[in-house]
C-alpha cells in the first residue's frame, strides 16, 4: 500500500471535506475531547503542547498529505492542539468511523498502520532537522520541510522563532542573509510565500532528513 492509497481510504470516511481554516486557528479540541482525524489537503498545521504556565512548545509541523490526530486512536490521547500556521484546507474523519470498521476491514487496518509508520518516521525526521545543528541549518531545514517545488511559506519571524526555538532577532538575521545570498526571493503577489533556490538551501541545511529526499 502506498501513502496515497492510505490517504484515499481514510479520506473516503470523511464526514466533511474541503473545510477552509484561517491562519492562527485551532483545528480541534485536544485530549479526551478529540473525536476526529484530519487529512491536510493544503496549508501548514502546527502540533503544539501547552504547559501549566500556558507556554507553547511546537512539536512538529504537518504539511499537505499528512494526517493529524492519529493519537486519538489511543486509549489515552495526548493533550495536543493543532493550530494553522497559514490558511489551510482539511477533511474531517470521525474517529468512530475508523474504529467501527477497523476490525472488519483489512484494507483500513493496513492504511492506519501505514499512516502510523509515517507518523513515527516523520516525527523522527522533524526532531533531527529542528533539534540539532546551527540556527542557520535549522531555518533552512524548516524551509525545505515546508517547500512545495520551488516555493515555501515564510511565517512571521516570531512564529518561525517559536517553531525552531530561537529569538526573533536571530530568525530575522538568518532570513536576511539567505535573501542576500540569493537563496530566497520575494514572490510578487504572495506576501508570505518566497521562491527558493532548493540547491542553495540544501547546501546550507547540511544533513536534511525527509521522506522522498535524495
Protein backbone atom coordinates (compact mmCIF):
# COMPACT_ATOMS: atom_id res chain seq x y z
CA UNK A 1 0.00 0.00 0.00
CA UNK A 2 1.27 3.46 -0.91
CA UNK A 3 0.82 6.64 1.12
CA UNK A 4 -1.68 7.87 -1.49
CA UNK A 5 -3.70 4.66 -1.11
CA UNK A 6 -3.78 5.05 2.68
CA UNK A 7 -4.83 8.70 2.46
CA UNK A 8 -7.56 7.82 -0.06
CA UNK A 9 -9.04 5.14 2.22
CA UNK A 10 -9.03 7.44 5.24
CA UNK A 11 -10.40 10.42 3.29
CA UNK A 12 -13.22 8.26 1.96
CA UNK A 13 -14.56 8.11 5.54
CA UNK A 14 -14.72 11.90 5.90
CA UNK A 15 -17.99 13.45 7.01
CA UNK A 16 -16.84 16.90 5.86
CA UNK A 17 -14.45 17.63 3.03
CA UNK A 18 -12.52 20.73 1.98
CA UNK A 19 -13.02 22.63 5.23
CA UNK A 20 -11.24 26.00 4.98
CA UNK A 21 -9.46 27.06 8.18
CA UNK A 22 -7.93 30.55 8.54
CA UNK A 23 -4.41 31.04 9.86
CA UNK A 24 -3.90 31.04 13.64
CA UNK A 25 -6.93 28.85 14.38
CA UNK A 26 -7.28 25.63 16.37
CA UNK A 27 -8.37 22.67 14.28
CA UNK A 28 -9.82 20.55 17.08
CA UNK A 29 -10.01 20.38 20.89
CA UNK A 30 -7.14 18.46 22.50
CA UNK A 31 -7.10 15.34 24.63
CA UNK A 32 -10.26 13.45 25.62
CA UNK A 33 -12.47 15.79 23.60
CA UNK A 34 -10.83 14.82 20.34
CA UNK A 35 -13.30 12.93 18.13
CA UNK A 36 -11.83 13.24 14.63
CA UNK A 37 -8.80 12.87 12.43
CA UNK A 38 -7.99 15.50 9.82
CA UNK A 39 -6.40 14.99 6.43
CA UNK A 40 -4.43 18.07 5.41
CA UNK A 41 -5.38 18.97 1.86
CA UNK A 42 -3.33 22.19 1.79
CA UNK A 43 -1.56 24.54 4.19
CA UNK A 44 0.62 24.06 7.27
CA UNK A 45 -0.54 23.00 10.74
CA UNK A 46 1.48 23.07 13.96
CA UNK A 47 1.15 20.35 16.58
CA UNK A 48 1.52 22.11 19.93
CA UNK A 49 1.77 21.31 23.59
CA UNK A 50 0.98 23.87 26.30
CA UNK A 51 2.44 23.59 29.78
CA UNK A 52 0.72 24.62 33.00
CA UNK A 53 2.02 28.18 32.58
CA UNK A 54 0.48 28.47 29.13
CA UNK A 55 3.82 28.37 27.33
CA UNK A 56 3.64 26.73 23.91
CA UNK A 57 6.02 24.13 22.53
CA UNK A 58 5.74 23.29 18.84
CA UNK A 59 6.14 19.52 18.50
CA UNK A 60 6.20 19.47 14.69
CA UNK A 61 4.61 20.94 11.57
CA UNK A 62 2.27 18.99 9.27
CA UNK A 63 2.01 19.51 5.53
CA UNK A 64 -0.37 18.72 2.67
CA UNK A 65 -0.90 14.96 2.51
CA UNK A 66 -0.39 14.43 6.25
CA UNK A 67 -2.97 13.13 8.71
CA UNK A 68 -3.26 14.84 12.08
CA UNK A 69 -4.80 13.46 15.24
CA UNK A 70 -3.74 9.81 14.92
CA UNK A 71 -3.05 9.81 18.67
CA UNK A 72 -6.83 9.96 19.10
CA UNK A 73 -6.90 6.24 18.31
CA UNK A 74 -5.05 5.55 21.57
CA UNK A 75 -6.93 4.79 24.76
CA UNK A 76 -5.30 7.77 26.47
CA UNK A 77 -4.96 10.59 23.89
CA UNK A 78 -2.26 13.19 24.41
CA UNK A 79 -3.18 16.75 25.31
CA UNK A 80 -2.07 18.23 22.00
CA UNK A 81 -3.56 21.06 19.99
CA UNK A 82 -3.37 21.68 16.24
CA UNK A 83 -3.06 25.27 15.06
CA UNK A 84 -2.92 26.54 11.49
CA UNK A 85 0.27 28.36 10.60
CA UNK A 86 -1.22 29.58 7.31
CA UNK A 87 -4.72 29.33 5.77
CA UNK A 88 -5.33 25.61 5.33
CA UNK A 89 -7.90 23.15 3.97
CA UNK A 90 -8.69 19.86 5.73
CA UNK A 91 -11.02 16.84 5.52
CA UNK A 92 -12.58 15.74 8.80
CA UNK A 93 -12.82 12.00 9.53
CA UNK A 94 -14.74 10.96 12.69
CA UNK A 95 -12.75 8.51 14.80
CA UNK A 96 -15.86 6.37 15.28
CA UNK A 97 -15.96 5.67 11.53
CA UNK A 98 -12.44 4.25 11.74
CA UNK A 99 -12.85 2.29 14.95
CA UNK A 100 -16.22 0.97 13.78
CA UNK A 101 -14.73 -0.59 10.64
CA UNK A 102 -11.18 -1.28 11.74
CA UNK A 103 -11.61 -4.94 12.76
CA UNK A 104 -13.72 -5.94 9.77
CA UNK A 105 -11.82 -4.02 7.09
CA UNK A 106 -8.27 -5.35 6.45
CA UNK A 107 -7.53 -2.58 3.94
CA UNK A 108 -8.41 0.05 6.53
CA UNK A 109 -6.22 -1.74 9.10
CA UNK A 110 -3.32 -1.60 6.66
CA UNK A 111 -3.97 2.08 5.90
CA UNK A 112 -3.93 3.00 9.60
CA UNK A 113 -0.70 1.05 10.17
CA UNK A 114 0.85 2.72 7.14
CA UNK A 115 -0.06 6.19 8.42
CA UNK A 116 1.18 5.40 11.93
CA UNK A 117 4.50 4.27 10.48
CA UNK A 118 4.77 7.53 8.54
CA UNK A 119 3.97 9.42 11.74
CA UNK A 120 6.87 7.74 13.53
CA UNK A 121 9.33 8.33 10.67
CA UNK A 122 8.28 11.95 10.11
CA UNK A 123 8.41 12.66 13.84
CA UNK A 124 11.97 11.34 13.94
CA UNK A 125 12.98 13.40 10.91
CA UNK A 126 11.42 16.54 12.39
CA UNK A 127 13.31 16.08 15.65
CA UNK A 128 16.63 15.60 13.85
CA UNK A 129 16.04 18.53 11.48
CA UNK A 130 14.92 21.07 14.05
CA UNK A 131 16.54 19.76 17.22
CA UNK A 132 20.17 19.72 16.09
CA UNK A 133 22.64 21.88 14.22
CA UNK A 134 23.27 25.59 13.91
CA UNK A 135 20.47 28.14 13.79
CA UNK A 136 21.04 28.67 10.06
CA UNK A 137 20.84 24.96 9.33
CA UNK A 138 17.62 24.60 11.31
CA UNK A 139 15.97 27.51 9.48
CA UNK A 140 16.99 26.06 6.10
CA UNK A 141 15.68 22.63 7.07
CA UNK A 142 12.35 24.13 8.11
CA UNK A 143 12.05 25.95 4.79
CA UNK A 144 12.83 22.75 2.91
CA UNK A 145 10.29 20.86 5.06
CA UNK A 146 7.52 23.29 4.07
CA UNK A 147 8.58 23.80 0.45
CA UNK A 148 6.50 22.65 -2.48
CA UNK A 149 8.60 22.58 -5.62
CA UNK A 150 10.34 25.99 -5.73
CA UNK A 151 8.14 27.84 -3.23
CA UNK A 152 7.67 27.82 0.50
CA UNK A 153 5.74 29.71 3.14
CA UNK A 154 7.76 32.17 5.21
CA UNK A 155 5.95 32.59 8.54
CA UNK A 156 6.27 35.73 10.68
CA UNK A 157 9.65 35.87 12.40
CA UNK A 158 8.19 35.44 15.88
CA UNK A 159 6.42 32.23 14.85
CA UNK A 160 9.48 30.98 12.99
CA UNK A 161 11.49 31.57 16.16
CA UNK A 162 8.91 29.72 18.23
CA UNK A 163 8.93 26.73 15.91
CA UNK A 164 12.71 26.44 15.70
CA UNK A 165 13.36 27.67 19.26
CA UNK A 166 15.39 30.82 18.63
CA UNK A 167 14.93 34.53 19.16
CA UNK A 168 13.01 36.64 16.65
CA UNK A 169 16.18 38.66 16.05
CA UNK A 170 18.17 35.54 15.12
CA UNK A 171 15.44 34.30 12.77
CA UNK A 172 15.26 37.73 11.08
CA UNK A 173 19.04 37.89 10.66
CA UNK A 174 19.18 34.43 9.05
CA UNK A 175 16.35 35.18 6.63
CA UNK A 176 18.04 38.45 5.64
CA UNK A 177 21.31 36.58 4.99
CA UNK A 178 19.56 33.96 2.84
CA UNK A 179 17.99 36.76 0.80
CA UNK A 180 21.38 38.45 0.28
CA UNK A 181 22.84 35.14 -0.91
CA UNK A 182 20.03 34.79 -3.47
CA UNK A 183 18.64 31.65 -1.84
CA UNK A 184 15.27 33.28 -1.04
CA UNK A 185 13.42 35.62 -3.38
CA UNK A 186 10.22 37.62 -2.94
CA UNK A 187 7.21 36.19 -4.73
CA UNK A 188 5.14 39.04 -6.23
CA UNK A 189 1.53 38.85 -5.17
CA UNK A 190 2.15 36.46 -2.26
CA UNK A 191 3.33 38.27 0.87
CA UNK A 192 4.09 35.15 2.92
CA UNK A 193 5.44 32.97 0.10
CA UNK A 194 9.03 33.03 -1.18
CA UNK A 195 10.71 31.41 -4.15
CA UNK A 196 13.66 29.27 -3.13
CA UNK A 197 16.92 28.07 -4.60
CA UNK A 198 16.49 24.48 -3.42
CA UNK A 199 20.10 23.51 -4.06
CA UNK A 200 21.27 26.55 -2.15
CA UNK A 201 19.03 25.66 0.81
CA UNK A 202 20.25 22.06 0.78
CA UNK A 203 23.86 23.24 0.79
CA UNK A 204 23.15 25.44 3.82
CA UNK A 205 20.98 22.85 5.59
CA UNK A 206 23.60 20.12 5.91
CA UNK A 207 22.03 16.75 6.74
CA UNK A 208 18.35 17.32 5.89
CA UNK A 209 16.03 14.38 6.64
CA UNK A 210 12.73 13.84 4.88
CA UNK A 211 10.85 11.06 3.14
CA UNK A 212 11.50 11.08 -0.60
CA UNK A 213 14.50 13.42 -0.43
CA UNK A 214 17.58 12.10 -2.20
